[in-house]
PDB file of N, CA and C in Angstrom:
ATOM      1  N   MET A   1      -4.970   6.206   7.546  1.00  0.00           N
ATOM      2  CA  MET A   1      -4.389   5.523   8.636  1.00  0.00           C
ATOM      3  C   MET A   1      -4.055   6.429   9.795  1.00  0.00           C
ATOM      4  N   SER A   2      -3.881   7.691   9.548  1.00  0.00           N
ATOM      5  CA  SER A   2      -3.514   8.576  10.591  1.00  0.00           C
ATOM      6  C   SER A   2      -4.688   9.342  11.170  1.00  0.00           C
ATOM      7  N   THR A   3      -5.864   8.911  10.919  1.00  0.00           N
ATOM      8  CA  THR A   3      -7.100   9.549  11.433  1.00  0.00           C
ATOM      9  C   THR A   3      -7.949   8.633  12.267  1.00  0.00           C
ATOM     10  N   LEU A   4      -8.807   9.186  12.998  1.00  0.00           N
ATOM     11  CA  LEU A   4      -9.725   8.423  13.796  1.00  0.00           C
ATOM     12  C   LEU A   4     -11.115   8.678  13.393  1.00  0.00           C
ATOM     13  N   PRO A   5     -12.164   7.775  13.668  1.00  0.00           N
ATOM     14  CA  PRO A   5     -13.503   8.001  13.276  1.00  0.00           C
ATOM     15  C   PRO A   5     -13.999   9.402  13.673  1.00  0.00           C
ATOM     16  N   GLY A   6     -14.636  10.053  12.782  1.00  0.00           N
ATOM     17  CA  GLY A   6     -15.110  11.418  13.015  1.00  0.00           C
ATOM     18  C   GLY A   6     -14.201  12.544  12.597  1.00  0.00           C
ATOM     19  N   ASP A   7     -12.919  12.200  12.324  1.00  0.00           N
ATOM     20  CA  ASP A   7     -11.961  13.230  11.822  1.00  0.00           C
ATOM     21  C   ASP A   7     -12.324  13.693  10.427  1.00  0.00           C
ATOM     22  N   LEU A   8     -11.840  14.821  10.104  1.00  0.00           N
ATOM     23  CA  LEU A   8     -12.024  15.450   8.762  1.00  0.00           C
ATOM     24  C   LEU A   8     -10.815  15.236   7.894  1.00  0.00           C
ATOM     25  N   VAL A   9     -10.956  14.759   6.679  1.00  0.00           N
ATOM     26  CA  VAL A   9      -9.866  14.501   5.747  1.00  0.00           C
ATOM     27  C   VAL A   9     -10.094  15.423   4.518  1.00  0.00           C
ATOM     28  N   LEU A  10      -9.040  16.116   4.156  1.00  0.00           N
ATOM     29  CA  LEU A  10      -9.048  16.945   2.912  1.00  0.00           C
ATOM     30  C   LEU A  10      -8.170  16.243   1.887  1.00  0.00           C
ATOM     31  N   ASP A  11      -8.747  16.034   0.649  1.00  0.00           N
ATOM     32  CA  ASP A  11      -8.027  15.463  -0.424  1.00  0.00           C
ATOM     33  C   ASP A  11      -8.252  16.392  -1.656  1.00  0.00           C
ATOM     34  N   PRO A  12      -7.336  17.377  -1.954  1.00  0.00           N
ATOM     35  CA  PRO A  12      -7.546  18.282  -2.998  1.00  0.00           C
ATOM     36  C   PRO A  12      -7.265  17.691  -4.389  1.00  0.00           C
ATOM     37  N   PHE A  13      -6.873  16.494  -4.488  1.00  0.00           N
ATOM     38  CA  PHE A  13      -6.606  15.858  -5.814  1.00  0.00           C
ATOM     39  C   PHE A  13      -7.346  14.557  -5.817  1.00  0.00           C
ATOM     40  N   GLY A  14      -8.622  14.585  -6.118  1.00  0.00           N
ATOM     41  CA  GLY A  14      -9.537  13.434  -5.962  1.00  0.00           C
ATOM     42  C   GLY A  14      -9.215  12.188  -6.762  1.00  0.00           C
ATOM     43  N   GLY A  15      -8.649  12.334  -7.936  1.00  0.00           N
ATOM     44  CA  GLY A  15      -8.308  11.152  -8.746  1.00  0.00           C
ATOM     45  C   GLY A  15      -9.483  10.247  -8.981  1.00  0.00           C
ATOM     46  N   SER A  16      -9.342   8.979  -8.550  1.00  0.00           N
ATOM     47  CA  SER A  16     -10.402   8.040  -8.722  1.00  0.00           C
ATOM     48  C   SER A  16     -11.273   7.873  -7.494  1.00  0.00           C
ATOM     49  N   GLY A  17     -11.078   8.771  -6.434  1.00  0.00           N
ATOM     50  CA  GLY A  17     -11.977   8.751  -5.344  1.00  0.00           C
ATOM     51  C   GLY A  17     -11.653   7.706  -4.271  1.00  0.00           C
ATOM     52  N   THR A  18     -10.487   7.122  -4.310  1.00  0.00           N
ATOM     53  CA  THR A  18     -10.185   6.126  -3.238  1.00  0.00           C
ATOM     54  C   THR A  18     -10.198   6.666  -1.820  1.00  0.00           C
ATOM     55  N   THR A  19      -9.623   7.872  -1.700  1.00  0.00           N
ATOM     56  CA  THR A  19      -9.645   8.460  -0.340  1.00  0.00           C
ATOM     57  C   THR A  19     -11.031   8.725   0.146  1.00  0.00           C
ATOM     58  N   TYR A  20     -11.895   9.234  -0.729  1.00  0.00           N
ATOM     59  CA  TYR A  20     -13.275   9.455  -0.313  1.00  0.00           C
ATOM     60  C   TYR A  20     -14.056   8.164   0.041  1.00  0.00           C
ATOM     61  N   SER A  21     -13.798   7.140  -0.719  1.00  0.00           N
ATOM     62  CA  SER A  21     -14.395   5.870  -0.487  1.00  0.00           C
ATOM     63  C   SER A  21     -13.980   5.276   0.853  1.00  0.00           C
ATOM     64  N   VAL A  22     -12.701   5.326   1.102  1.00  0.00           N
ATOM     65  CA  VAL A  22     -12.171   4.804   2.406  1.00  0.00           C
ATOM     66  C   VAL A  22     -12.771   5.668   3.533  1.00  0.00           C
ATOM     67  N   CYS A  23     -12.793   7.016   3.360  1.00  0.00           N
ATOM     68  CA  CYS A  23     -13.379   7.795   4.419  1.00  0.00           C
ATOM     69  C   CYS A  23     -14.814   7.322   4.720  1.00  0.00           C
ATOM     70  N   GLU A  24     -15.649   7.133   3.694  1.00  0.00           N
ATOM     71  CA  GLU A  24     -16.954   6.740   3.898  1.00  0.00           C
ATOM     72  C   GLU A  24     -17.034   5.392   4.727  1.00  0.00           C
ATOM     73  N   ARG A  25     -16.209   4.432   4.370  1.00  0.00           N
ATOM     74  CA  ARG A  25     -16.235   3.090   5.006  1.00  0.00           C
ATOM     75  C   ARG A  25     -15.676   3.217   6.412  1.00  0.00           C
ATOM     76  N   ARG A  26     -14.708   4.115   6.625  1.00  0.00           N
ATOM     77  CA  ARG A  26     -14.095   4.204   7.984  1.00  0.00           C
ATOM     78  C   ARG A  26     -14.651   5.316   8.842  1.00  0.00           C
ATOM     79  N   HIS A  27     -15.807   5.829   8.465  1.00  0.00           N
ATOM     80  CA  HIS A  27     -16.527   6.837   9.244  1.00  0.00           C
ATOM     81  C   HIS A  27     -15.721   8.133   9.505  1.00  0.00           C
ATOM     82  N   ARG A  28     -15.098   8.660   8.444  1.00  0.00           N
ATOM     83  CA  ARG A  28     -14.455   9.904   8.454  1.00  0.00           C
ATOM     84  C   ARG A  28     -15.228  10.888   7.621  1.00  0.00           C
ATOM     85  N   HIS A  29     -15.208  12.175   8.018  1.00  0.00           N
ATOM     86  CA  HIS A  29     -15.797  13.160   7.165  1.00  0.00           C
ATOM     87  C   HIS A  29     -14.768  13.519   6.101  1.00  0.00           C
ATOM     88  N   TRP A  30     -15.120  14.063   4.934  1.00  0.00           N
ATOM     89  CA  TRP A  30     -14.172  14.306   3.890  1.00  0.00           C
ATOM     90  C   TRP A  30     -14.601  15.497   3.086  1.00  0.00           C
ATOM     91  N   ILE A  31     -13.588  16.225   2.557  1.00  0.00           N
ATOM     92  CA  ILE A  31     -13.766  17.321   1.624  1.00  0.00           C
ATOM     93  C   ILE A  31     -12.814  16.906   0.461  1.00  0.00           C
ATOM     94  N   GLY A  32     -13.371  16.901  -0.725  1.00  0.00           N
ATOM     95  CA  GLY A  32     -12.576  16.509  -1.881  1.00  0.00           C
ATOM     96  C   GLY A  32     -12.745  17.503  -3.100  1.00  0.00           C
ATOM     97  N   ILE A  33     -11.728  17.549  -3.886  1.00  0.00           N
ATOM     98  CA  ILE A  33     -11.722  18.440  -5.030  1.00  0.00           C
ATOM     99  C   ILE A  33     -11.205  17.709  -6.229  1.00  0.00           C
ATOM    100  N   GLU A  34     -11.919  17.771  -7.320  1.00  0.00           N
ATOM    101  CA  GLU A  34     -11.454  17.157  -8.584  1.00  0.00           C
ATOM    102  C   GLU A  34     -12.137  17.971  -9.715  1.00  0.00           C
ATOM    103  N   ILE A  35     -11.344  18.647 -10.525  1.00  0.00           N
ATOM    104  CA  ILE A  35     -11.917  19.463 -11.580  1.00  0.00           C
ATOM    105  C   ILE A  35     -11.793  18.848 -12.995  1.00  0.00           C
ATOM    106  N   GLU A  36     -10.964  17.796 -13.157  1.00  0.00           N
ATOM    107  CA  GLU A  36     -10.799  17.271 -14.506  1.00  0.00           C
ATOM    108  C   GLU A  36     -11.829  16.265 -14.856  1.00  0.00           C
ATOM    109  N   ASN A  37     -11.960  15.211 -14.099  1.00  0.00           N
ATOM    110  CA  ASN A  37     -12.832  14.115 -14.476  1.00  0.00           C
ATOM    111  C   ASN A  37     -13.471  13.503 -13.237  1.00  0.00           C
ATOM    112  N   PRO A  38     -14.639  13.906 -12.818  1.00  0.00           N
ATOM    113  CA  PRO A  38     -15.218  13.391 -11.579  1.00  0.00           C
ATOM    114  C   PRO A  38     -15.887  12.024 -11.741  1.00  0.00           C
ATOM    115  N   GLN A  39     -16.012  11.553 -12.997  1.00  0.00           N
ATOM    116  CA  GLN A  39     -16.782  10.310 -13.248  1.00  0.00           C
ATOM    117  C   GLN A  39     -16.283   9.060 -12.447  1.00  0.00           C
ATOM    118  N   PRO A  40     -14.987   8.845 -12.395  1.00  0.00           N
ATOM    119  CA  PRO A  40     -14.491   7.738 -11.630  1.00  0.00           C
ATOM    120  C   PRO A  40     -14.865   7.780 -10.137  1.00  0.00           C
ATOM    121  N   ILE A  41     -14.905   9.029  -9.579  1.00  0.00           N
ATOM    122  CA  ILE A  41     -15.222   9.188  -8.199  1.00  0.00           C
ATOM    123  C   ILE A  41     -16.709   8.823  -7.963  1.00  0.00           C
ATOM    124  N   ILE A  42     -17.535   9.319  -8.871  1.00  0.00           N
ATOM    125  CA  ILE A  42     -18.939   9.021  -8.820  1.00  0.00           C
ATOM    126  C   ILE A  42     -19.162   7.551  -8.859  1.00  0.00           C
ATOM    127  N   GLU A  43     -18.456   6.858  -9.797  1.00  0.00           N
ATOM    128  CA  GLU A  43     -18.602   5.425  -9.948  1.00  0.00           C
ATOM    129  C   GLU A  43     -18.101   4.734  -8.725  1.00  0.00           C
ATOM    130  N   ARG A  44     -17.023   5.130  -8.090  1.00  0.00           N
ATOM    131  CA  ARG A  44     -16.509   4.447  -6.921  1.00  0.00           C
ATOM    132  C   ARG A  44     -17.518   4.605  -5.794  1.00  0.00           C
ATOM    133  N   LEU A  45     -18.046   5.844  -5.588  1.00  0.00           N
ATOM    134  CA  LEU A  45     -18.902   6.066  -4.446  1.00  0.00           C
ATOM    135  C   LEU A  45     -20.350   5.484  -4.574  1.00  0.00           C
ATOM    136  N   THR A  46     -20.685   5.157  -5.832  1.00  0.00           N
ATOM    137  CA  THR A  46     -21.982   4.572  -6.030  1.00  0.00           C
ATOM    138  C   THR A  46     -21.863   3.015  -6.204  1.00  0.00           C
ATOM    139  N   GLY A  47     -20.633   2.504  -5.997  1.00  0.00           N
ATOM    140  CA  GLY A  47     -20.502   1.053  -6.022  1.00  0.00           C
ATOM    141  C   GLY A  47     -20.240   0.413  -7.312  1.00  0.00           C
ATOM    142  N   LYS A  48     -19.992   1.190  -8.424  1.00  0.00           N
ATOM    143  CA  LYS A  48     -19.782   0.681  -9.712  1.00  0.00           C
ATOM    144  C   LYS A  48     -18.303   0.231  -9.942  1.00  0.00           C
ATOM    145  N   ILE A  49     -17.469   0.765  -9.052  1.00  0.00           N
ATOM    146  CA  ILE A  49     -16.019   0.359  -8.960  1.00  0.00           C
ATOM    147  C   ILE A  49     -15.782  -0.153  -7.548  1.00  0.00           C
ATOM    148  N   ASP A  50     -15.096  -1.320  -7.425  1.00  0.00           N
ATOM    149  CA  ASP A  50     -14.880  -1.931  -6.157  1.00  0.00           C
ATOM    150  C   ASP A  50     -14.036  -1.030  -5.248  1.00  0.00           C
ATOM    151  N   HIS A  51     -14.299  -1.185  -3.871  1.00  0.00           N
ATOM    152  CA  HIS A  51     -13.532  -0.447  -2.935  1.00  0.00           C
ATOM    153  C   HIS A  51     -12.125  -1.141  -2.805  1.00  0.00           C
ATOM    154  N   HIS A  52     -11.224  -0.333  -2.421  1.00  0.00           N
ATOM    155  CA  HIS A  52      -9.887  -0.872  -2.063  1.00  0.00           C
ATOM    156  C   HIS A  52     -10.003  -1.488  -0.631  1.00  0.00           C
ATOM    157  N   ARG A  53      -9.301  -2.490  -0.353  1.00  0.00           N
ATOM    158  CA  ARG A  53      -9.300  -3.071   0.990  1.00  0.00           C
ATOM    159  C   ARG A  53      -8.072  -2.471   1.764  1.00  0.00           C
ATOM    160  N   ASN A  54      -8.460  -1.937   2.943  1.00  0.00           N
ATOM    161  CA  ASN A  54      -7.426  -1.326   3.764  1.00  0.00           C
ATOM    162  C   ASN A  54      -7.822  -1.591   5.211  1.00  0.00           C
ATOM    163  N   ASP A  55      -7.092  -2.390   5.947  1.00  0.00           N
ATOM    164  CA  ASP A  55      -7.393  -2.730   7.295  1.00  0.00           C
ATOM    165  C   ASP A  55      -6.502  -2.029   8.343  1.00  0.00           C
ATOM    166  N   ASP A  56      -5.804  -0.925   7.867  1.00  0.00           N
ATOM    167  CA  ASP A  56      -4.953  -0.190   8.763  1.00  0.00           C
ATOM    168  C   ASP A  56      -5.792   0.541   9.752  1.00  0.00           C
ATOM    169  N   PHE A  57      -5.250   0.838  10.932  1.00  0.00           N
ATOM    170  CA  PHE A  57      -5.950   1.543  11.916  1.00  0.00           C
ATOM    171  C   PHE A  57      -4.906   2.235  12.848  1.00  0.00           C
ATOM    172  N   VAL A  58      -5.375   3.153  13.604  1.00  0.00           N
ATOM    173  CA  VAL A  58      -4.630   3.927  14.553  1.00  0.00           C
ATOM    174  C   VAL A  58      -5.194   3.732  15.942  1.00  0.00           C
ATOM    175  N   GLU A  59      -4.428   3.339  16.922  1.00  0.00           N
ATOM    176  CA  GLU A  59      -4.988   3.217  18.250  1.00  0.00           C
ATOM    177  C   GLU A  59      -4.800   4.548  18.963  1.00  0.00           C
ATOM    178  N   ARG A  60      -5.804   4.842  19.741  1.00  0.00           N
ATOM    179  CA  ARG A  60      -5.658   6.086  20.537  1.00  0.00           C
ATOM    180  C   ARG A  60      -4.494   5.991  21.560  1.00  0.00           C
ATOM    181  N   PRO A  61      -3.743   7.036  21.650  1.00  0.00           N
ATOM    182  CA  PRO A  61      -2.592   6.902  22.681  1.00  0.00           C
ATOM    183  C   PRO A  61      -3.164   6.789  24.090  1.00  0.00           C
ATOM    184  N   ARG A  62      -2.531   5.969  24.786  1.00  0.00           N
ATOM    185  CA  ARG A  62      -2.815   5.741  26.218  1.00  0.00           C
ATOM    186  C   ARG A  62      -2.116   6.730  27.112  1.00  0.00           C
ATOM    187  N   LEU A  63      -2.838   7.427  27.981  1.00  0.00           N
ATOM    188  CA  LEU A  63      -2.201   8.339  28.834  1.00  0.00           C
ATOM    189  C   LEU A  63      -1.515   7.624  29.965  1.00  0.00           C
ATOM    190  N   PRO A  64      -0.318   8.143  30.397  1.00  0.00           N
ATOM    191  CA  PRO A  64       0.364   7.470  31.528  1.00  0.00           C
ATOM    192  C   PRO A  64      -0.432   7.585  32.801  1.00  0.00           C
ATOM    193  N   ILE A  65      -0.383   6.590  33.636  1.00  0.00           N
ATOM    194  CA  ILE A  65      -1.079   6.601  34.879  1.00  0.00           C
ATOM    195  C   ILE A  65      -0.136   7.311  35.911  1.00  0.00           C
ATOM    196  N   ALA A  66      -0.685   8.336  36.535  1.00  0.00           N
ATOM    197  CA  ALA A  66       0.112   9.086  37.539  1.00  0.00           C
ATOM    198  C   ALA A  66       0.465   8.276  38.723  1.00  0.00           C
ATOM    199  N   ALA A  67       1.714   8.380  39.126  1.00  0.00           N
ATOM    200  CA  ALA A  67       2.189   7.642  40.330  1.00  0.00           C
ATOM    201  C   ALA A  67       1.596   8.337  41.561  1.00  0.00           C
ATOM    202  N   GLU A  68       1.235   7.561  42.478  1.00  0.00           N
ATOM    203  CA  GLU A  68       0.660   8.123  43.745  1.00  0.00           C
ATOM    204  C   GLU A  68       1.714   8.360  44.745  1.00  0.00           C
TER     205      GLU A  68
END
């Protein structure tokens, strides 16, 4: 929710891969780490586990218009 398309997200605790999946769908680059059990991540990224639905977004801040 706090990133914009093209941003890089680091998730050092991969878990079931939800962050990675959302990054893929929301056009973010990602780096992930999981040393215990990568299988759920593989299943989520290959479509064997459903994606979580998340419609959150961040608007780019609008710069104030300079007074003339």
